[in-house]
Amino acid sequence: MGAIAATTVLVACAPPKASVLPPAAPVPSARRVSTEANVGVTWSTKATLKLMSPWAQCHQSFAVGAGDVHGEVARLAQACAGATRMHRLGEPFAGEQKASDKPQTFNWKARAGHCYRAYGVGAAGIKNLDLLMQDSDGVVLGQDGTDDGAPVVLDAGAACFKQDDEPSIVVSVGDGSGAFAVEVWED
């Protein structure tokens, strides 16, 4: 009788088995999904995500100034350069857009073994500029997590490529209209 009671106690104290579900695949659109929800992305065969929570601090206190969007995006990215130890990959992507326009897509070349972030700034007329980063298969690697005119993807990390790829940044305006500029930075 004692052996049965001990078995019952052991079974009752055993931790329940965890149910492990694969992450939900993101919707490939320019709609907002929290960047933090994409951490641990495993569905891309070309890239992984690197979480660096302190990197978000360089963006939190940034306020878009009265300068042109090229100067302002450079100022935003430079504010994060010390923490990320990254440098600008090439010339900024730029354009004009309003909330009713279709998103614009810009491609660049990513190198295997390197990590990337994107910084964007909209003119004063853009109240919500949205950025989305995806690999060449269209798998969303991250989206900005703010409703302002100065988004960063990935705010608290970077997309790191396992192989050479031609990823893209998708730019959309959630509120307002005007000029914008986007810089991609690389480690």
C-alpha atoms as a PDB file:
ATOM      1  CA  MET A   1       0.000   0.000   0.000  1.00  0.00           C
ATOM      2  CA  GLY A   2       2.885   2.358   0.815  1.00  0.00           C
ATOM      3  CA  ALA A   3       4.456   1.798  -2.613  1.00  0.00           C
ATOM      4  CA  ILE A   4       1.228   2.755  -4.343  1.00  0.00           C
ATOM      5  CA  ALA A   5       0.912   5.936  -2.275  1.00  0.00           C
ATOM      6  CA  ALA A   6       4.520   6.922  -3.082  1.00  0.00           C
ATOM      7  CA  THR A   7       3.916   6.342  -6.787  1.00  0.00           C
ATOM      8  CA  THR A   8       0.819   8.470  -6.668  1.00  0.00           C
ATOM      9  CA  VAL A   9       2.710  11.297  -4.994  1.00  0.00           C
ATOM     10  CA  LEU A  10       5.530  11.117  -7.549  1.00  0.00           C
ATOM     11  CA  VAL A  11       3.103  11.214 -10.452  1.00  0.00           C
ATOM     12  CA  ALA A  12       1.224  14.102  -8.886  1.00  0.00           C
ATOM     13  CA  CYS A  13       4.461  16.075  -8.414  1.00  0.00           C
ATOM     14  CA  ALA A  14       5.893  15.425 -11.869  1.00  0.00           C
ATOM     15  CA  PRO A  15       5.928  18.548 -14.006  1.00  0.00           C
ATOM     16  CA  PRO A  16       3.433  18.559 -16.845  1.00  0.00           C
ATOM     17  CA  LYS A  17       4.834  17.971 -20.306  1.00  0.00           C
ATOM     18  CA  ALA A  18       5.217  21.211 -22.234  1.00  0.00           C
ATOM     19  CA  SER A  19       3.434  21.478 -25.505  1.00  0.00           C
ATOM     20  CA  VAL A  20       5.861  22.822 -28.096  1.00  0.00           C
ATOM     21  CA  LEU A  21       4.234  24.452 -31.070  1.00  0.00           C
ATOM     22  CA  PRO A  22       6.093  25.857 -34.065  1.00  0.00           C
ATOM     23  CA  PRO A  23       5.936  29.642 -34.360  1.00  0.00           C
ATOM     24  CA  ALA A  24       3.087  30.989 -36.414  1.00  0.00           C
ATOM     25  CA  ALA A  25       4.171  32.084 -39.864  1.00  0.00           C
ATOM     26  CA  PRO A  26       4.010  35.867 -40.254  1.00  0.00           C
ATOM     27  CA  VAL A  27       1.714  37.515 -42.722  1.00  0.00           C
ATOM     28  CA  PRO A  28       3.845  38.851 -45.619  1.00  0.00           C
ATOM     29  CA  SER A  29       2.454  42.368 -45.656  1.00  0.00           C
ATOM     30  CA  ALA A  30       3.407  45.775 -44.381  1.00  0.00           C
ATOM     31  CA  ARG A  31       0.972  45.504 -41.462  1.00  0.00           C
ATOM     32  CA  ARG A  32       2.488  45.864 -38.011  1.00  0.00           C
ATOM     33  CA  VAL A  33       3.543  42.800 -36.074  1.00  0.00           C
ATOM     34  CA  SER A  34       5.664  43.269 -32.996  1.00  0.00           C
ATOM     35  CA  THR A  35       9.345  42.718 -33.722  1.00  0.00           C
ATOM     36  CA  GLU A  36       9.617  40.962 -30.385  1.00  0.00           C
ATOM     37  CA  ALA A  37       7.044  38.390 -31.591  1.00  0.00           C
ATOM     38  CA  ASN A  38       9.371  37.517 -34.475  1.00  0.00           C
ATOM     39  CA  VAL A  39      12.384  36.769 -32.251  1.00  0.00           C
ATOM     40  CA  GLY A  40      13.437  33.169 -32.697  1.00  0.00           C
ATOM     41  CA  VAL A  41      12.184  33.076 -36.258  1.00  0.00           C
ATOM     42  CA  THR A  42      12.870  29.614 -37.628  1.00  0.00           C
ATOM     43  CA  TRP A  43      10.876  29.577 -40.837  1.00  0.00           C
ATOM     44  CA  SER A  44      13.471  31.453 -42.935  1.00  0.00           C
ATOM     45  CA  THR A  45      16.034  29.181 -44.523  1.00  0.00           C
ATOM     46  CA  LYS A  46      18.227  32.204 -45.269  1.00  0.00           C
ATOM     47  CA  ALA A  47      18.367  34.211 -42.039  1.00  0.00           C
ATOM     48  CA  THR A  48      18.072  34.053 -38.281  1.00  0.00           C
ATOM     49  CA  LEU A  49      17.428  36.809 -35.774  1.00  0.00           C
ATOM     50  CA  LYS A  50      19.872  38.085 -33.195  1.00  0.00           C
ATOM     51  CA  LEU A  51      18.226  39.666 -30.133  1.00  0.00           C
ATOM     52  CA  MET A  52      20.120  42.538 -28.524  1.00  0.00           C
ATOM     53  CA  SER A  53      17.614  44.286 -26.252  1.00  0.00           C
ATOM     54  CA  PRO A  54      19.960  47.174 -25.300  1.00  0.00           C
ATOM     55  CA  TRP A  55      20.024  48.240 -28.968  1.00  0.00           C
ATOM     56  CA  ALA A  56      16.445  49.511 -28.671  1.00  0.00           C
ATOM     57  CA  GLN A  57      17.586  52.266 -26.302  1.00  0.00           C
ATOM     58  CA  CYS A  58      19.276  54.287 -29.061  1.00  0.00           C
ATOM     59  CA  HIS A  59      15.927  54.627 -30.812  1.00  0.00           C
ATOM     60  CA  GLN A  60      13.699  55.290 -27.806  1.00  0.00           C
ATOM     61  CA  SER A  61      14.823  58.875 -27.250  1.00  0.00           C
ATOM     62  CA  PHE A  62      15.114  59.836 -30.925  1.00  0.00           C
ATOM     63  CA  ALA A  63      12.885  62.655 -32.152  1.00  0.00           C
ATOM     64  CA  VAL A  64      12.710  63.594 -35.823  1.00  0.00           C
ATOM     65  CA  GLY A  65      14.077  67.095 -36.298  1.00  0.00           C
ATOM     66  CA  ALA A  66      13.353  69.739 -38.909  1.00  0.00           C
ATOM     67  CA  GLY A  67      16.154  68.599 -41.253  1.00  0.00           C
ATOM     68  CA  ASP A  68      15.735  66.759 -44.533  1.00  0.00           C
ATOM     69  CA  VAL A  69      14.891  63.045 -44.324  1.00  0.00           C
ATOM     70  CA  HIS A  70      18.356  61.983 -45.554  1.00  0.00           C
ATOM     71  CA  GLY A  71      20.059  63.902 -42.756  1.00  0.00           C
ATOM     72  CA  GLU A  72      17.562  62.733 -40.163  1.00  0.00           C
ATOM     73  CA  VAL A  73      17.825  59.028 -41.036  1.00  0.00           C
ATOM     74  CA  ALA A  74      21.621  59.337 -40.922  1.00  0.00           C
ATOM     75  CA  ARG A  75      21.327  60.961 -37.476  1.00  0.00           C
ATOM     76  CA  LEU A  76      19.053  58.136 -36.232  1.00  0.00           C
ATOM     77  CA  ALA A  77      21.324  55.388 -37.530  1.00  0.00           C
ATOM     78  CA  GLN A  78      24.425  57.126 -36.182  1.00  0.00           C
ATOM     79  CA  ALA A  79      22.799  57.300 -32.732  1.00  0.00           C
ATOM     80  CA  CYS A  80      22.764  53.483 -32.767  1.00  0.00           C
ATOM     81  CA  ALA A  81      26.208  52.942 -34.345  1.00  0.00           C
ATOM     82  CA  GLY A  82      28.084  52.823 -31.036  1.00  0.00           C
ATOM     83  CA  ALA A  83      25.845  50.101 -29.612  1.00  0.00           C
ATOM     84  CA  THR A  84      25.484  47.997 -32.766  1.00  0.00           C
ATOM     85  CA  ARG A  85      29.006  48.487 -34.180  1.00  0.00           C
ATOM     86  CA  MET A  86      27.438  48.547 -37.629  1.00  0.00           C
ATOM     87  CA  HIS A  87      28.025  50.790 -40.632  1.00  0.00           C
ATOM     88  CA  ARG A  88      25.841  52.002 -43.483  1.00  0.00           C
ATOM     89  CA  LEU A  89      25.653  49.479 -46.303  1.00  0.00           C
ATOM     90  CA  GLY A  90      25.082  51.854 -49.212  1.00  0.00           C
ATOM     91  CA  GLU A  91      23.097  54.842 -50.335  1.00  0.00           C
ATOM     92  CA  PRO A  92      19.732  55.393 -48.635  1.00  0.00           C
ATOM     93  CA  PHE A  93      16.500  54.302 -50.260  1.00  0.00           C
ATOM     94  CA  ALA A  94      14.188  57.275 -50.648  1.00  0.00           C
ATOM     95  CA  GLY A  95      10.795  58.183 -51.993  1.00  0.00           C
ATOM     96  CA  GLU A  96       7.485  59.832 -51.303  1.00  0.00           C
ATOM     97  CA  GLN A  97       4.368  58.112 -50.139  1.00  0.00           C
ATOM     98  CA  LYS A  98       0.947  58.676 -48.619  1.00  0.00           C
ATOM     99  CA  ALA A  99      -1.162  56.355 -46.511  1.00  0.00           C
ATOM    100  CA  SER A 100      -3.394  55.388 -49.449  1.00  0.00           C
ATOM    101  CA  ASP A 101      -0.422  54.334 -51.655  1.00  0.00           C
ATOM    102  CA  LYS A 102       0.762  50.759 -52.111  1.00  0.00           C
ATOM    103  CA  PRO A 103       3.882  49.854 -50.113  1.00  0.00           C
ATOM    104  CA  GLN A 104       7.217  50.370 -51.868  1.00  0.00           C
ATOM    105  CA  THR A 105       9.866  47.636 -51.923  1.00  0.00           C
ATOM    106  CA  PHE A 106      13.638  48.186 -51.959  1.00  0.00           C
ATOM    107  CA  ASN A 107      16.170  45.358 -52.401  1.00  0.00           C
ATOM    108  CA  TRP A 108      19.778  45.115 -51.309  1.00  0.00           C
ATOM    109  CA  LYS A 109      22.469  42.431 -51.207  1.00  0.00           C
ATOM    110  CA  ALA A 110      23.042  40.653 -47.893  1.00  0.00           C
ATOM    111  CA  ARG A 111      26.204  38.646 -47.321  1.00  0.00           C
ATOM    112  CA  ALA A 112      26.403  35.323 -45.535  1.00  0.00           C
ATOM    113  CA  GLY A 113      27.688  35.702 -41.979  1.00  0.00           C
ATOM    114  CA  HIS A 114      26.566  39.338 -41.626  1.00  0.00           C
ATOM    115  CA  CYS A 115      23.714  40.962 -39.712  1.00  0.00           C
ATOM    116  CA  TYR A 116      21.497  43.849 -40.827  1.00  0.00           C
ATOM    117  CA  ARG A 117      19.178  46.530 -39.456  1.00  0.00           C
ATOM    118  CA  ALA A 118      17.164  49.191 -41.253  1.00  0.00           C
ATOM    119  CA  TYR A 119      16.453  52.739 -40.108  1.00  0.00           C
ATOM    120  CA  GLY A 120      13.780  54.984 -41.582  1.00  0.00           C
ATOM    121  CA  VAL A 121      12.647  58.568 -41.187  1.00  0.00           C
ATOM    122  CA  GLY A 122       9.598  60.263 -42.659  1.00  0.00           C
ATOM    123  CA  ALA A 123       9.067  63.964 -43.223  1.00  0.00           C
ATOM    124  CA  ALA A 124       6.929  65.941 -40.778  1.00  0.00           C
ATOM    125  CA  GLY A 125       3.770  65.038 -42.734  1.00  0.00           C
ATOM    126  CA  ILE A 126       4.262  61.319 -42.045  1.00  0.00           C
ATOM    127  CA  LYS A 127       2.923  60.471 -38.607  1.00  0.00           C
ATOM    128  CA  ASN A 128       3.483  56.699 -38.957  1.00  0.00           C
ATOM    129  CA  LEU A 129       6.160  55.268 -41.254  1.00  0.00           C
ATOM    130  CA  ASP A 130       6.274  51.462 -41.306  1.00  0.00           C
ATOM    131  CA  LEU A 131       9.193  49.205 -42.274  1.00  0.00           C
ATOM    132  CA  LEU A 132       9.213  45.471 -42.868  1.00  0.00           C
ATOM    133  CA  MET A 133      12.302  43.341 -43.644  1.00  0.00           C
ATOM    134  CA  GLN A 134      11.938  40.108 -45.590  1.00  0.00           C
ATOM    135  CA  ASP A 135      14.262  37.589 -47.186  1.00  0.00           C
ATOM    136  CA  SER A 136      14.196  36.910 -50.938  1.00  0.00           C
ATOM    137  CA  ASP A 137      11.575  34.173 -50.410  1.00  0.00           C
ATOM    138  CA  GLY A 138       9.241  36.797 -48.918  1.00  0.00           C
ATOM    139  CA  VAL A 139       9.578  35.475 -45.357  1.00  0.00           C
ATOM    140  CA  VAL A 140       9.128  38.370 -42.938  1.00  0.00           C
ATOM    141  CA  LEU A 141      12.175  38.704 -40.691  1.00  0.00           C
ATOM    142  CA  GLY A 142      10.910  41.681 -38.714  1.00  0.00           C
ATOM    143  CA  GLN A 143       8.734  44.764 -38.661  1.00  0.00           C
ATOM    144  CA  ASP A 144       9.075  47.978 -36.738  1.00  0.00           C
ATOM    145  CA  GLY A 145       7.201  48.157 -33.476  1.00  0.00           C
ATOM    146  CA  THR A 146       6.366  51.873 -33.329  1.00  0.00           C
ATOM    147  CA  ASP A 147       3.664  54.196 -34.587  1.00  0.00           C
ATOM    148  CA  ASP A 148       5.904  57.134 -35.379  1.00  0.00           C
ATOM    149  CA  GLY A 149       7.901  58.652 -38.209  1.00  0.00           C
ATOM    150  CA  ALA A 150      11.238  57.028 -37.302  1.00  0.00           C
ATOM    151  CA  PRO A 151      11.022  53.207 -37.417  1.00  0.00           C
ATOM    152  CA  VAL A 152      13.859  50.721 -36.867  1.00  0.00           C
ATOM    153  CA  VAL A 153      13.874  47.085 -37.989  1.00  0.00           C
ATOM    154  CA  LEU A 154      14.857  45.235 -35.862  1.00  0.00           C
ATOM    155  CA  ASP A 155      14.651  47.633 -32.953  1.00  0.00           C
ATOM    156  CA  ALA A 156      16.103  45.161 -30.456  1.00  0.00           C
ATOM    157  CA  GLY A 157      18.287  43.097 -32.756  1.00  0.00           C
ATOM    158  CA  ALA A 158      19.298  42.287 -36.311  1.00  0.00           C
ATOM    159  CA  ALA A 159      18.610  39.830 -39.113  1.00  0.00           C
ATOM    160  CA  CYS A 160      21.673  37.630 -39.680  1.00  0.00           C
ATOM    161  CA  PHE A 161      22.036  35.842 -42.991  1.00  0.00           C
ATOM    162  CA  LYS A 162      23.240  32.246 -43.279  1.00  0.00           C
ATOM    163  CA  GLN A 163      23.783  32.629 -47.023  1.00  0.00           C
ATOM    164  CA  ASP A 164      24.070  35.426 -49.567  1.00  0.00           C
ATOM    165  CA  ASP A 165      20.623  36.775 -50.347  1.00  0.00           C
ATOM    166  CA  GLU A 166      18.745  39.676 -51.909  1.00  0.00           C
ATOM    167  CA  PRO A 167      16.347  40.670 -49.112  1.00  0.00           C
ATOM    168  CA  SER A 168      14.069  43.674 -49.204  1.00  0.00           C
ATOM    169  CA  ILE A 169      12.707  46.479 -47.104  1.00  0.00           C
ATOM    170  CA  VAL A 170       9.023  47.217 -47.594  1.00  0.00           C
ATOM    171  CA  VAL A 171       8.038  50.801 -46.794  1.00  0.00           C
ATOM    172  CA  SER A 172       4.468  51.890 -46.120  1.00  0.00           C
ATOM    173  CA  VAL A 173       2.819  54.903 -44.559  1.00  0.00           C
ATOM    174  CA  GLY A 174       0.195  54.201 -41.925  1.00  0.00           C
ATOM    175  CA  ASP A 175      -0.746  57.848 -41.387  1.00  0.00           C
ATOM    176  CA  GLY A 176       0.110  60.981 -43.339  1.00  0.00           C
ATOM    177  CA  SER A 177       2.168  61.640 -46.442  1.00  0.00           C
ATOM    178  CA  GLY A 178       5.538  62.982 -47.518  1.00  0.00           C
ATOM    179  CA  ALA A 179       9.130  62.092 -48.254  1.00  0.00           C
ATOM    180  CA  PHE A 180      11.029  59.300 -46.501  1.00  0.00           C
ATOM    181  CA  ALA A 181      14.538  57.843 -46.428  1.00  0.00           C
ATOM    182  CA  VAL A 182      15.715  54.405 -45.290  1.00  0.00           C
ATOM    183  CA  GLU A 183      19.263  53.237 -44.534  1.00  0.00           C
ATOM    184  CA  VAL A 184      20.334  49.586 -44.216  1.00  0.00           C
ATOM    185  CA  TRP A 185      23.252  48.990 -41.856  1.00  0.00           C
ATOM    186  CA  GLU A 186      25.571  45.960 -41.708  1.00  0.00           C
ATOM    187  CA  ASP A 187      28.001  44.588 -39.136  1.00  0.00           C
END
